[in-house]
Protein backbone atom coordinates (compact mmCIF):
# COMPACT_ATOMS: atom_id res chain seq x y z
CA UNK A 1 135.30 110.23 94.39
CA UNK A 2 136.47 108.50 97.55
CA UNK A 3 135.23 111.43 99.59
CA UNK A 4 131.78 111.07 98.07
CA UNK A 5 131.57 107.39 99.09
CA UNK A 6 132.70 108.25 102.63
CA UNK A 7 130.04 110.93 102.89
CA UNK A 8 127.41 108.58 101.50
CA UNK A 9 128.27 105.73 103.84
CA UNK A 10 128.41 108.12 106.80
CA UNK A 11 124.96 109.45 105.94
CA UNK A 12 123.56 105.94 105.62
CA UNK A 13 125.14 104.89 108.90
CA UNK A 14 123.70 107.96 110.62
CA UNK A 15 120.24 107.11 109.30
CA UNK A 16 120.55 103.51 110.44
CA UNK A 17 121.72 104.52 113.91
CA UNK A 18 119.07 107.19 114.25
CA UNK A 19 121.54 110.09 114.03
CA UNK A 20 122.09 110.20 117.79
CA UNK A 21 118.39 110.31 118.51
CA UNK A 22 116.33 107.48 119.93
CA UNK A 23 115.64 104.51 117.67
CA UNK A 24 111.91 105.27 117.80
CA UNK A 25 112.47 108.39 115.69
CA UNK A 26 113.75 106.13 112.90
CA UNK A 27 110.35 104.45 112.86
CA UNK A 28 108.60 107.76 112.40
CA UNK A 29 108.41 107.00 108.69
CA UNK A 30 105.99 104.18 109.47
CA UNK A 31 103.17 106.15 111.01
CA UNK A 32 99.47 106.30 110.28
CA UNK A 33 99.57 110.05 109.66
CA UNK A 34 98.29 110.80 113.15
CA UNK A 35 101.64 110.36 114.87
CA UNK A 36 100.98 106.79 115.99
CA UNK A 37 103.77 104.36 115.10
CA UNK A 38 102.52 101.34 113.18
CA UNK A 39 103.23 97.84 114.45
CA UNK A 40 105.07 95.33 112.30
CA UNK A 41 101.78 93.60 111.48
CA UNK A 42 100.20 96.89 110.41
CA UNK A 43 103.25 97.75 108.28
CA UNK A 44 103.06 94.30 106.66
CA UNK A 45 99.36 94.80 105.89
CA UNK A 46 100.11 98.22 104.47
CA UNK A 47 102.90 96.80 102.30
CA UNK A 48 100.57 94.10 100.97
CA UNK A 49 97.89 96.72 100.26
CA UNK A 50 100.39 98.95 98.43
CA UNK A 51 101.62 96.00 96.35
CA UNK A 52 98.02 95.09 95.49
CA UNK A 53 97.26 98.66 94.41
CA UNK A 54 100.44 98.80 92.30
CA UNK A 55 99.53 95.47 90.67
CA UNK A 56 96.03 96.75 89.86
CA UNK A 57 97.44 99.99 88.49
CA UNK A 58 99.86 98.07 86.27
CA UNK A 59 97.08 95.77 85.05
CA UNK A 60 94.89 98.77 84.19
CA UNK A 61 97.77 100.39 82.31
CA UNK A 62 98.42 97.14 80.44
CA UNK A 63 94.75 96.78 79.47
CA UNK A 64 94.64 100.41 78.38
CA UNK A 65 97.75 99.93 76.22
CA UNK A 66 96.28 96.79 74.66
CA UNK A 67 93.00 98.60 73.96
CA UNK A 68 94.82 101.54 72.36
CA UNK A 69 96.92 99.15 70.27
CA UNK A 70 93.79 97.35 69.07
CA UNK A 71 92.15 100.67 68.19
CA UNK A 72 95.26 101.79 66.26
CA UNK A 73 95.35 98.49 64.36
CA UNK A 74 91.66 98.85 63.55
CA UNK A 75 92.20 102.42 62.33
CA UNK A 76 95.21 101.35 60.24
CA UNK A 77 93.23 98.49 58.71
CA UNK A 78 90.38 100.86 57.90
CA UNK A 79 92.81 103.33 56.32
CA UNK A 80 94.31 100.53 54.17
CA UNK A 81 90.85 99.50 52.98
CA UNK A 82 90.10 103.12 52.07
CA UNK A 83 93.37 103.34 50.14
CA UNK A 84 92.64 100.13 48.21
CA UNK A 85 89.18 101.37 47.19
CA UNK A 86 90.70 104.38 45.43
């Protein structure tokens, strides 16, 4: 177990230090897909955009769940009325 934590912390440290490569390679994850490194401002804008899209996706999922719940309740109510008629 101790060995695992040493390996994990060593791997994290290597990632943080760039693994012996230049520090620019660590920023490779923040590119525009064309190899150009994004500035801090561009990364911030991208983060805000991603958060906005996630929020919208969550709102859509919530509305969909509420709509499905309402439809189920309506169907259950209709089924109860049918059962009472018999």
